[in-house]
Amino acid sequence: MSETQFAEMATRWYDQNARDLPWREPDVGAWAILVSEIMLQQTPVVRVLPAWRAWLARWPVPAALAADTPAEAIRMWGRLGYPRRALRLRECAVALTQRHDGVVPTDLDALLALPGVGSYTARAVAAFAYGQRHPVVDTNVRRLVARAVTGLPDAGPATRPADLVATEELLPVEPARAARASAAFMELGALVCTARGPRCGECPLAEVCAWRAAGRPAAPGPTRRPQQYAGTDRQVRGLLLAVLRETVGPVPGERLDLVWTDDVQRARALAGLVQDGLVERAGADAYTLAGDRRLI
């Protein structure tokens, strides 16, 4: 089977089975797609949908977000997790406003130069917003290609240059078709060729899948366990941020002390928020979100 046939099979499936997501609508602009890609990193679609709509309603263009404060970006981010993404997205909006007249650039190198935009996000925006031919490789795509093409159960813990090469070889030459194939690969990996419960009987690539033909061998070594959240510094950071998001003006340290009983862990989590630029000191023993204009 040729690489073109591989992409065609995946795309035909995608045309009939793709989820109806708002950032996939034909009239959605590059800024909205960029926001969706950053929000979707390590976050389920169901949680991103309301946050994405609220974000675009408030800041429909980069200049609107650039004119607002980091604190408001953090507040709007809410409980999506990994709130530094909110700061990076605002920094990206500032860069777009200052360097590109508020327009998301079409050039891949210009996208890669934006704050908070890495290899995956830059290629995703170039493909999905501008219909360009780039390998868009996330965890789901890497797993799909590793299984279907090479017969491996997974592609390892991190994206490598070889993953980009292997995926690009599967893309049609015509850019618009390549962009749609990239979306199809991602959707197949997310919905069918999943890590723990792949549904090979529903996969359009089942008859040509090297992993299935090999008997679906398991990955060597222990299976990676899901990352724990309860009791971690990440949970404490989230609780501290929740108080700061919901408060007008500086929050006394004694109020933050009520968030978590372990003094050492709470202090460590708060110090980490300050170091990450999410929180600022406001006096000897008070704190605010970064750049908060709503100080009393």
C-alpha atoms as a PDB file:
ATOM      1  CA  MET A   1       0.000   0.000   0.000  1.00  0.00           C
ATOM      2  CA  SER A   2       1.286   3.446  -0.920  1.00  0.00           C
ATOM      3  CA  GLU A   3       1.564   6.361   1.464  1.00  0.00           C
ATOM      4  CA  THR A   4      -1.167   8.148  -0.507  1.00  0.00           C
ATOM      5  CA  GLN A   5      -3.568   5.240   0.015  1.00  0.00           C
ATOM      6  CA  PHE A   6      -2.793   5.264   3.755  1.00  0.00           C
ATOM      7  CA  ALA A   7      -3.774   8.924   3.976  1.00  0.00           C
ATOM      8  CA  GLU A   8      -6.846   8.431   1.793  1.00  0.00           C
ATOM      9  CA  MET A   9      -8.160   5.626   3.989  1.00  0.00           C
ATOM     10  CA  ALA A  10      -7.681   7.707   7.120  1.00  0.00           C
ATOM     11  CA  THR A  11      -9.251  10.791   5.541  1.00  0.00           C
ATOM     12  CA  ARG A  12     -12.338   8.921   4.319  1.00  0.00           C
ATOM     13  CA  TRP A  13     -12.876   7.677   7.859  1.00  0.00           C
ATOM     14  CA  TYR A  14     -12.350  11.195   9.219  1.00  0.00           C
ATOM     15  CA  ASP A  15     -14.889  12.693   6.821  1.00  0.00           C
ATOM     16  CA  GLN A  16     -17.556  10.382   8.273  1.00  0.00           C
ATOM     17  CA  ASN A  17     -16.509  10.156  11.921  1.00  0.00           C
ATOM     18  CA  ALA A  18     -14.738  13.344  12.972  1.00  0.00           C
ATOM     19  CA  ARG A  19     -16.049  15.061  16.079  1.00  0.00           C
ATOM     20  CA  ASP A  20     -17.982  18.272  15.516  1.00  0.00           C
ATOM     21  CA  LEU A  21     -15.629  20.710  17.238  1.00  0.00           C
ATOM     22  CA  PRO A  22     -16.007  24.484  16.897  1.00  0.00           C
ATOM     23  CA  TRP A  23     -12.366  25.172  16.042  1.00  0.00           C
ATOM     24  CA  ARG A  24     -12.784  22.908  13.011  1.00  0.00           C
ATOM     25  CA  GLU A  25     -15.482  25.074  11.453  1.00  0.00           C
ATOM     26  CA  PRO A  26     -14.404  26.464   8.058  1.00  0.00           C
ATOM     27  CA  ASP A  27     -14.847  30.110   9.094  1.00  0.00           C
ATOM     28  CA  VAL A  28     -12.731  29.884  12.259  1.00  0.00           C
ATOM     29  CA  GLY A  29      -9.619  32.026  12.075  1.00  0.00           C
ATOM     30  CA  ALA A  30      -6.009  31.290  12.896  1.00  0.00           C
ATOM     31  CA  TRP A  31      -6.113  33.026  16.284  1.00  0.00           C
ATOM     32  CA  ALA A  32      -8.999  30.833  17.446  1.00  0.00           C
ATOM     33  CA  ILE A  33      -7.186  27.732  16.219  1.00  0.00           C
ATOM     34  CA  LEU A  34      -3.991  28.790  17.988  1.00  0.00           C
ATOM     35  CA  VAL A  35      -5.920  29.262  21.236  1.00  0.00           C
ATOM     36  CA  SER A  36      -7.514  25.827  20.873  1.00  0.00           C
ATOM     37  CA  GLU A  37      -4.183  24.113  20.263  1.00  0.00           C
ATOM     38  CA  ILE A  38      -2.594  25.620  23.354  1.00  0.00           C
ATOM     39  CA  MET A  39      -5.631  24.836  25.520  1.00  0.00           C
ATOM     40  CA  LEU A  40      -5.798  21.246  24.285  1.00  0.00           C
ATOM     41  CA  GLN A  41      -2.283  20.442  25.452  1.00  0.00           C
ATOM     42  CA  GLN A  42      -2.677  17.831  28.216  1.00  0.00           C
ATOM     43  CA  THR A  43      -6.347  18.801  28.632  1.00  0.00           C
ATOM     44  CA  PRO A  44      -9.457  16.872  27.495  1.00  0.00           C
ATOM     45  CA  VAL A  45     -11.695  18.370  24.822  1.00  0.00           C
ATOM     46  CA  VAL A  46     -14.725  18.422  27.122  1.00  0.00           C
ATOM     47  CA  ARG A  47     -12.941  20.792  29.500  1.00  0.00           C
ATOM     48  CA  VAL A  48     -11.514  22.968  26.753  1.00  0.00           C
ATOM     49  CA  LEU A  49     -14.800  23.648  24.927  1.00  0.00           C
ATOM     50  CA  PRO A  50     -16.369  26.124  27.433  1.00  0.00           C
ATOM     51  CA  ALA A  51     -13.021  27.758  28.205  1.00  0.00           C
ATOM     52  CA  TRP A  52     -12.257  28.240  24.499  1.00  0.00           C
ATOM     53  CA  ARG A  53     -15.646  29.840  23.838  1.00  0.00           C
ATOM     54  CA  ALA A  54     -15.314  32.168  26.832  1.00  0.00           C
ATOM     55  CA  TRP A  55     -11.762  33.138  25.888  1.00  0.00           C
ATOM     56  CA  LEU A  56     -12.664  34.004  22.289  1.00  0.00           C
ATOM     57  CA  ALA A  57     -15.770  35.893  23.375  1.00  0.00           C
ATOM     58  CA  ARG A  58     -13.627  38.110  25.589  1.00  0.00           C
ATOM     59  CA  TRP A  59     -10.522  38.303  23.409  1.00  0.00           C
ATOM     60  CA  PRO A  60     -11.566  37.647  19.784  1.00  0.00           C
ATOM     61  CA  VAL A  61      -8.282  39.021  18.429  1.00  0.00           C
ATOM     62  CA  PRO A  62      -4.717  38.981  19.778  1.00  0.00           C
ATOM     63  CA  ALA A  63      -4.672  42.753  20.361  1.00  0.00           C
ATOM     64  CA  ALA A  64      -7.551  42.473  22.820  1.00  0.00           C
ATOM     65  CA  LEU A  65      -5.678  39.986  24.972  1.00  0.00           C
ATOM     66  CA  ALA A  66      -2.413  41.897  24.637  1.00  0.00           C
ATOM     67  CA  ALA A  67      -4.129  45.000  26.048  1.00  0.00           C
ATOM     68  CA  ASP A  68      -5.331  43.115  29.122  1.00  0.00           C
ATOM     69  CA  THR A  69      -3.316  42.013  32.140  1.00  0.00           C
ATOM     70  CA  PRO A  70      -1.589  38.714  32.842  1.00  0.00           C
ATOM     71  CA  ALA A  71      -3.852  38.434  35.906  1.00  0.00           C
ATOM     72  CA  GLU A  72      -6.986  38.458  33.763  1.00  0.00           C
ATOM     73  CA  ALA A  73      -5.531  35.793  31.489  1.00  0.00           C
ATOM     74  CA  ILE A  74      -4.884  33.611  34.535  1.00  0.00           C
ATOM     75  CA  ARG A  75      -8.403  34.246  35.821  1.00  0.00           C
ATOM     76  CA  MET A  76      -9.976  33.311  32.501  1.00  0.00           C
ATOM     77  CA  TRP A  77      -7.846  30.193  32.323  1.00  0.00           C
ATOM     78  CA  GLY A  78      -9.723  28.961  35.364  1.00  0.00           C
ATOM     79  CA  ARG A  79      -9.172  25.292  36.174  1.00  0.00           C
ATOM     80  CA  LEU A  80      -7.808  24.113  32.833  1.00  0.00           C
ATOM     81  CA  GLY A  81      -4.540  23.237  34.533  1.00  0.00           C
ATOM     82  CA  TYR A  82      -0.949  24.173  33.747  1.00  0.00           C
ATOM     83  CA  PRO A  83      -1.779  27.887  34.077  1.00  0.00           C
ATOM     84  CA  ARG A  84       1.581  29.010  32.718  1.00  0.00           C
ATOM     85  CA  ARG A  85      -0.030  28.352  29.360  1.00  0.00           C
ATOM     86  CA  ALA A  86      -2.256  31.367  30.029  1.00  0.00           C
ATOM     87  CA  LEU A  87       0.789  33.580  30.490  1.00  0.00           C
ATOM     88  CA  ARG A  88       2.469  32.183  27.375  1.00  0.00           C
ATOM     89  CA  LEU A  89      -0.693  32.723  25.364  1.00  0.00           C
ATOM     90  CA  ARG A  90      -0.873  36.339  26.466  1.00  0.00           C
ATOM     91  CA  GLU A  91       2.832  36.810  25.647  1.00  0.00           C
ATOM     92  CA  CYS A  92       2.084  35.315  22.260  1.00  0.00           C
ATOM     93  CA  ALA A  93      -0.749  37.830  21.779  1.00  0.00           C
ATOM     94  CA  VAL A  94       1.616  40.679  22.646  1.00  0.00           C
ATOM     95  CA  ALA A  95       4.163  39.403  20.122  1.00  0.00           C
ATOM     96  CA  LEU A  96       1.491  39.025  17.436  1.00  0.00           C
ATOM     97  CA  THR A  97       0.327  42.569  18.064  1.00  0.00           C
ATOM     98  CA  GLN A  98       3.799  44.088  18.069  1.00  0.00           C
ATOM     99  CA  ARG A  99       5.470  42.045  15.317  1.00  0.00           C
ATOM    100  CA  HIS A 100       2.646  40.965  13.016  1.00  0.00           C
ATOM    101  CA  ASP A 101      -0.022  43.689  13.275  1.00  0.00           C
ATOM    102  CA  GLY A 102      -2.254  41.367  15.259  1.00  0.00           C
ATOM    103  CA  VAL A 103      -2.317  38.638  12.605  1.00  0.00           C
ATOM    104  CA  VAL A 104      -1.156  35.062  13.155  1.00  0.00           C
ATOM    105  CA  PRO A 105       1.638  34.556  10.601  1.00  0.00           C
ATOM    106  CA  THR A 106       1.470  31.896   7.912  1.00  0.00           C
ATOM    107  CA  ASP A 107       5.207  31.191   7.852  1.00  0.00           C
ATOM    108  CA  LEU A 108       6.314  28.229   9.972  1.00  0.00           C
ATOM    109  CA  ASP A 109       9.521  29.905  11.176  1.00  0.00           C
ATOM    110  CA  ALA A 110       7.560  32.982  12.240  1.00  0.00           C
ATOM    111  CA  LEU A 111       5.130  30.765  14.140  1.00  0.00           C
ATOM    112  CA  LEU A 112       7.996  28.955  15.852  1.00  0.00           C
ATOM    113  CA  ALA A 113       9.425  32.314  16.969  1.00  0.00           C
ATOM    114  CA  LEU A 114       6.269  33.181  18.934  1.00  0.00           C
ATOM    115  CA  PRO A 115       6.353  32.813  22.742  1.00  0.00           C
ATOM    116  CA  GLY A 116       4.792  29.589  23.930  1.00  0.00           C
ATOM    117  CA  VAL A 117       4.564  28.086  20.435  1.00  0.00           C
ATOM    118  CA  GLY A 118       6.565  24.905  19.986  1.00  0.00           C
ATOM    119  CA  SER A 119       7.102  22.533  17.104  1.00  0.00           C
ATOM    120  CA  TYR A 120       3.744  20.799  17.389  1.00  0.00           C
ATOM    121  CA  THR A 121       1.653  23.952  17.840  1.00  0.00           C
ATOM    122  CA  ALA A 122       3.369  25.823  15.006  1.00  0.00           C
ATOM    123  CA  ARG A 123       2.784  22.988  12.564  1.00  0.00           C
ATOM    124  CA  ALA A 124      -0.787  22.485  13.744  1.00  0.00           C
ATOM    125  CA  VAL A 125      -1.639  26.142  13.142  1.00  0.00           C
ATOM    126  CA  ALA A 126       0.095  26.161   9.748  1.00  0.00           C
ATOM    127  CA  ALA A 127      -1.823  23.040   8.695  1.00  0.00           C
ATOM    128  CA  PHE A 128      -5.249  23.591  10.235  1.00  0.00           C
ATOM    129  CA  ALA A 129      -5.494  27.371   9.875  1.00  0.00           C
ATOM    130  CA  TYR A 130      -3.686  27.822   6.572  1.00  0.00           C
ATOM    131  CA  GLY A 131      -3.947  24.430   4.877  1.00  0.00           C
ATOM    132  CA  GLN A 132      -0.210  23.895   4.602  1.00  0.00           C
ATOM    133  CA  ARG A 133       1.622  20.591   4.271  1.00  0.00           C
ATOM    134  CA  HIS A 134       3.404  19.904   7.556  1.00  0.00           C
ATOM    135  CA  PRO A 135       3.619  16.792   9.725  1.00  0.00           C
ATOM    136  CA  VAL A 136       1.482  17.531  12.780  1.00  0.00           C
ATOM    137  CA  VAL A 137       2.759  15.047  15.331  1.00  0.00           C
ATOM    138  CA  ASP A 138       1.288  14.683  18.794  1.00  0.00           C
ATOM    139  CA  THR A 139       1.210  11.616  21.049  1.00  0.00           C
ATOM    140  CA  ASN A 140      -1.795  10.170  19.233  1.00  0.00           C
ATOM    141  CA  VAL A 141      -0.203  10.526  15.791  1.00  0.00           C
ATOM    142  CA  ARG A 142       3.083   9.059  16.958  1.00  0.00           C
ATOM    143  CA  ARG A 143       1.281   6.022  18.355  1.00  0.00           C
ATOM    144  CA  LEU A 144      -0.827   5.548  15.214  1.00  0.00           C
ATOM    145  CA  VAL A 145       2.184   5.714  12.889  1.00  0.00           C
ATOM    146  CA  ALA A 146       4.328   3.496  15.126  1.00  0.00           C
ATOM    147  CA  ARG A 147       1.671   0.807  15.175  1.00  0.00           C
ATOM    148  CA  ALA A 148       0.305   0.950  11.644  1.00  0.00           C
ATOM    149  CA  VAL A 149       3.591   1.487   9.807  1.00  0.00           C
ATOM    150  CA  THR A 150       6.354  -0.045  11.918  1.00  0.00           C
ATOM    151  CA  GLY A 151       4.433  -2.570  14.012  1.00  0.00           C
ATOM    152  CA  LEU A 152       5.601  -1.150  17.336  1.00  0.00           C
ATOM    153  CA  PRO A 153       3.127  -0.877  20.238  1.00  0.00           C
ATOM    154  CA  ASP A 154       4.081   2.752  20.882  1.00  0.00           C
ATOM    155  CA  ALA A 155       6.565   5.368  19.763  1.00  0.00           C
ATOM    156  CA  GLY A 156       8.401   6.049  23.011  1.00  0.00           C
ATOM    157  CA  PRO A 157       8.097   8.886  25.511  1.00  0.00           C
ATOM    158  CA  ALA A 158       9.081  11.896  23.374  1.00  0.00           C
ATOM    159  CA  THR A 159       8.780  13.184  19.837  1.00  0.00           C
ATOM    160  CA  ARG A 160      11.927  12.749  17.755  1.00  0.00           C
ATOM    161  CA  PRO A 161      12.896  14.128  14.352  1.00  0.00           C
ATOM    162  CA  ALA A 162      12.308  10.638  12.959  1.00  0.00           C
ATOM    163  CA  ASP A 163       8.649  10.907  13.975  1.00  0.00           C
ATOM    164  CA  LEU A 164       8.242  14.040  11.868  1.00  0.00           C
ATOM    165  CA  VAL A 165       9.917  12.362   8.904  1.00  0.00           C
ATOM    166  CA  ALA A 166       7.819   9.201   9.182  1.00  0.00           C
ATOM    167  CA  THR A 167       4.575  11.177   9.389  1.00  0.00           C
ATOM    168  CA  GLU A 168       5.468  13.547   6.576  1.00  0.00           C
ATOM    169  CA  GLU A 169       6.103  10.574   4.280  1.00  0.00           C
ATOM    170  CA  LEU A 170       2.446   9.584   4.729  1.00  0.00           C
ATOM    171  CA  LEU A 171       1.037  12.957   3.700  1.00  0.00           C
ATOM    172  CA  PRO A 172      -0.362  13.645   0.231  1.00  0.00           C
ATOM    173  CA  VAL A 173       1.628  16.090  -1.875  1.00  0.00           C
ATOM    174  CA  GLU A 174      -1.250  18.556  -2.282  1.00  0.00           C
ATOM    175  CA  PRO A 175      -1.199  20.855   0.794  1.00  0.00           C
ATOM    176  CA  ALA A 176      -4.932  21.007   1.519  1.00  0.00           C
ATOM    177  CA  ARG A 177      -5.258  17.228   1.352  1.00  0.00           C
ATOM    178  CA  ALA A 178      -2.165  16.855   3.523  1.00  0.00           C
ATOM    179  CA  ALA A 179      -3.648  19.162   6.163  1.00  0.00           C
ATOM    180  CA  ARG A 180      -6.851  17.130   6.236  1.00  0.00           C
ATOM    181  CA  ALA A 181      -4.863  13.893   6.478  1.00  0.00           C
ATOM    182  CA  SER A 182      -2.997  15.345   9.462  1.00  0.00           C
ATOM    183  CA  ALA A 183      -6.322  16.010  11.184  1.00  0.00           C
ATOM    184  CA  ALA A 184      -7.447  12.476  10.328  1.00  0.00           C
ATOM    185  CA  PHE A 185      -4.316  10.899  11.830  1.00  0.00           C
ATOM    186  CA  MET A 186      -4.842  12.825  15.047  1.00  0.00           C
ATOM    187  CA  GLU A 187      -8.508  11.879  15.301  1.00  0.00           C
ATOM    188  CA  LEU A 188      -7.812   8.215  14.657  1.00  0.00           C
ATOM    189  CA  GLY A 189      -5.189   8.170  17.379  1.00  0.00           C
ATOM    190  CA  ALA A 190      -7.463   9.983  19.810  1.00  0.00           C
ATOM    191  CA  LEU A 191     -10.628   7.947  19.236  1.00  0.00           C
ATOM    192  CA  VAL A 192      -9.677   4.532  17.802  1.00  0.00           C
ATOM    193  CA  CYS A 193      -5.965   3.713  18.085  1.00  0.00           C
ATOM    194  CA  THR A 194      -5.891   4.608  21.756  1.00  0.00           C
ATOM    195  CA  ALA A 195      -3.104   3.724  24.150  1.00  0.00           C
ATOM    196  CA  ARG A 196      -4.992   1.339  26.424  1.00  0.00           C
ATOM    197  CA  GLY A 197      -8.027   0.112  24.520  1.00  0.00           C
ATOM    198  CA  PRO A 198      -7.444   0.285  20.767  1.00  0.00           C
ATOM    199  CA  ARG A 199     -10.577  -0.544  18.779  1.00  0.00           C
ATOM    200  CA  CYS A 200      -8.973  -2.300  15.843  1.00  0.00           C
ATOM    201  CA  GLY A 201     -12.338  -3.544  14.585  1.00  0.00           C
ATOM    202  CA  GLU A 202     -13.374   0.056  13.896  1.00  0.00           C
ATOM    203  CA  CYS A 203     -10.091   1.223  12.388  1.00  0.00           C
ATOM    204  CA  PRO A 204      -9.968   1.963   8.653  1.00  0.00           C
ATOM    205  CA  LEU A 205      -6.303   0.944   8.672  1.00  0.00           C
ATOM    206  CA  ALA A 206      -6.838  -2.423  10.350  1.00  0.00           C
ATOM    207  CA  GLU A 207      -6.167  -4.497   7.235  1.00  0.00           C
ATOM    208  CA  VAL A 208      -2.827  -2.808   6.603  1.00  0.00           C
ATOM    209  CA  CYS A 209      -1.726  -2.269  10.217  1.00  0.00           C
ATOM    210  CA  ALA A 210       1.661  -3.846  10.907  1.00  0.00           C
ATOM    211  CA  TRP A 211       1.034  -3.972  14.662  1.00  0.00           C
ATOM    212  CA  ARG A 212      -2.244  -5.839  14.248  1.00  0.00           C
ATOM    213  CA  ALA A 213      -0.653  -8.212  11.748  1.00  0.00           C
ATOM    214  CA  ALA A 214       2.048  -8.976  14.310  1.00  0.00           C
ATOM    215  CA  GLY A 215      -0.540  -9.958  16.906  1.00  0.00           C
ATOM    216  CA  ARG A 216      -0.627  -6.617  18.740  1.00  0.00           C
ATOM    217  CA  PRO A 217       2.556  -7.177  20.792  1.00  0.00           C
ATOM    218  CA  ALA A 218       2.686  -5.358  24.121  1.00  0.00           C
ATOM    219  CA  ALA A 219       5.238  -2.710  24.910  1.00  0.00           C
ATOM    220  CA  PRO A 220       8.296  -4.029  26.789  1.00  0.00           C
ATOM    221  CA  GLY A 221       8.724  -3.095  30.413  1.00  0.00           C
ATOM    222  CA  PRO A 222       6.165  -1.823  32.943  1.00  0.00           C
ATOM    223  CA  THR A 223       3.157   0.153  31.777  1.00  0.00           C
ATOM    224  CA  ARG A 224       3.342   3.822  32.655  1.00  0.00           C
ATOM    225  CA  ARG A 225       0.952   4.748  35.440  1.00  0.00           C
ATOM    226  CA  PRO A 226      -1.261   7.841  35.192  1.00  0.00           C
ATOM    227  CA  GLN A 227       0.207  10.860  36.924  1.00  0.00           C
ATOM    228  CA  GLN A 228      -1.253  11.329  40.391  1.00  0.00           C
ATOM    229  CA  TYR A 229      -2.796  14.680  41.315  1.00  0.00           C
ATOM    230  CA  ALA A 230      -4.218  14.420  44.835  1.00  0.00           C
ATOM    231  CA  GLY A 231      -1.751  15.562  47.449  1.00  0.00           C
ATOM    232  CA  THR A 232       0.816  16.887  44.973  1.00  0.00           C
ATOM    233  CA  ASP A 233       2.323  20.355  44.777  1.00  0.00           C
ATOM    234  CA  ARG A 234       0.298  20.806  41.614  1.00  0.00           C
ATOM    235  CA  GLN A 235      -2.924  20.397  43.586  1.00  0.00           C
ATOM    236  CA  VAL A 236      -1.742  22.881  46.209  1.00  0.00           C
ATOM    237  CA  ARG A 237      -0.801  25.378  43.487  1.00  0.00           C
ATOM    238  CA  GLY A 238      -4.271  25.031  42.023  1.00  0.00           C
ATOM    239  CA  LEU A 239      -5.921  25.673  45.380  1.00  0.00           C
ATOM    240  CA  LEU A 240      -3.783  28.758  45.979  1.00  0.00           C
ATOM    241  CA  LEU A 241      -4.518  30.111  42.512  1.00  0.00           C
ATOM    242  CA  ALA A 242      -8.245  29.539  43.022  1.00  0.00           C
ATOM    243  CA  VAL A 243      -8.236  31.872  46.035  1.00  0.00           C
ATOM    244  CA  LEU A 244      -6.196  34.506  44.203  1.00  0.00           C
ATOM    245  CA  ARG A 245      -8.384  34.341  41.068  1.00  0.00           C
ATOM    246  CA  GLU A 246     -11.559  34.887  43.051  1.00  0.00           C
ATOM    247  CA  THR A 247     -10.280  37.768  45.177  1.00  0.00           C
ATOM    248  CA  VAL A 248     -10.178  41.477  44.404  1.00  0.00           C
ATOM    249  CA  GLY A 249      -6.998  42.985  45.755  1.00  0.00           C
ATOM    250  CA  PRO A 250      -4.090  41.487  47.686  1.00  0.00           C
ATOM    251  CA  VAL A 251      -4.669  38.266  49.566  1.00  0.00           C
ATOM    252  CA  PRO A 252      -3.080  38.118  53.041  1.00  0.00           C
ATOM    253  CA  GLY A 253      -0.743  35.234  53.639  1.00  0.00           C
ATOM    254  CA  GLU A 254      -2.839  34.090  56.606  1.00  0.00           C
ATOM    255  CA  ARG A 255      -5.777  33.487  54.262  1.00  0.00           C
ATOM    256  CA  LEU A 256      -3.620  31.410  51.949  1.00  0.00           C
ATOM    257  CA  ASP A 257      -2.472  29.449  55.002  1.00  0.00           C
ATOM    258  CA  LEU A 258      -6.006  28.022  55.230  1.00  0.00           C
ATOM    259  CA  VAL A 259      -5.720  26.410  51.797  1.00  0.00           C
ATOM    260  CA  TRP A 260      -3.398  23.581  52.863  1.00  0.00           C
ATOM    261  CA  THR A 261      -2.364  22.359  56.296  1.00  0.00           C
ATOM    262  CA  ASP A 262       1.180  21.262  55.387  1.00  0.00           C
ATOM    263  CA  ASP A 263       3.156  24.478  55.909  1.00  0.00           C
ATOM    264  CA  VAL A 264       6.256  23.281  54.070  1.00  0.00           C
ATOM    265  CA  GLN A 265       4.388  22.042  51.003  1.00  0.00           C
ATOM    266  CA  ARG A 266       2.166  25.127  50.877  1.00  0.00           C
ATOM    267  CA  ALA A 267       5.171  27.452  51.075  1.00  0.00           C
ATOM    268  CA  ARG A 268       6.939  25.474  48.362  1.00  0.00           C
ATOM    269  CA  ALA A 269       3.901  25.621  46.079  1.00  0.00           C
ATOM    270  CA  LEU A 270       3.470  29.360  46.639  1.00  0.00           C
ATOM    271  CA  ALA A 271       7.158  30.005  45.983  1.00  0.00           C
ATOM    272  CA  GLY A 272       6.846  28.038  42.756  1.00  0.00           C
ATOM    273  CA  LEU A 273       3.917  30.201  41.633  1.00  0.00           C
ATOM    274  CA  VAL A 274       5.965  33.317  42.282  1.00  0.00           C
ATOM    275  CA  GLN A 275       8.972  31.893  40.448  1.00  0.00           C
ATOM    276  CA  ASP A 276       6.808  30.969  37.454  1.00  0.00           C
ATOM    277  CA  GLY A 277       5.519  34.531  37.188  1.00  0.00           C
ATOM    278  CA  LEU A 278       1.925  33.603  38.013  1.00  0.00           C
ATOM    279  CA  VAL A 279       1.834  35.307  41.417  1.00  0.00           C
ATOM    280  CA  GLU A 280       3.456  38.459  42.822  1.00  0.00           C
ATOM    281  CA  ARG A 281       4.122  39.654  46.322  1.00  0.00           C
ATOM    282  CA  ALA A 282       2.039  42.619  47.429  1.00  0.00           C
ATOM    283  CA  GLY A 283       3.692  43.815  50.591  1.00  0.00           C
ATOM    284  CA  ALA A 284       5.383  41.905  53.357  1.00  0.00           C
ATOM    285  CA  ASP A 285       2.884  39.040  53.565  1.00  0.00           C
ATOM    286  CA  ALA A 286       0.298  39.370  50.816  1.00  0.00           C
ATOM    287  CA  TYR A 287       0.012  38.130  47.245  1.00  0.00           C
ATOM    288  CA  THR A 288      -1.819  38.876  44.004  1.00  0.00           C
ATOM    289  CA  LEU A 289      -2.012  37.404  40.556  1.00  0.00           C
ATOM    290  CA  ALA A 290       0.712  38.698  38.251  1.00  0.00           C
ATOM    291  CA  GLY A 291       0.057  42.204  36.964  1.00  0.00           C
ATOM    292  CA  ASP A 292      -3.303  42.513  38.672  1.00  0.00           C
ATOM    293  CA  ARG A 293      -4.907  45.925  38.062  1.00  0.00           C
ATOM    294  CA  ARG A 294      -7.740  45.255  40.457  1.00  0.00           C
ATOM    295  CA  LEU A 295      -5.700  46.137  43.525  1.00  0.00           C
ATOM    296  CA  ILE A 296      -7.463  47.982  46.320  1.00  0.00           C
END
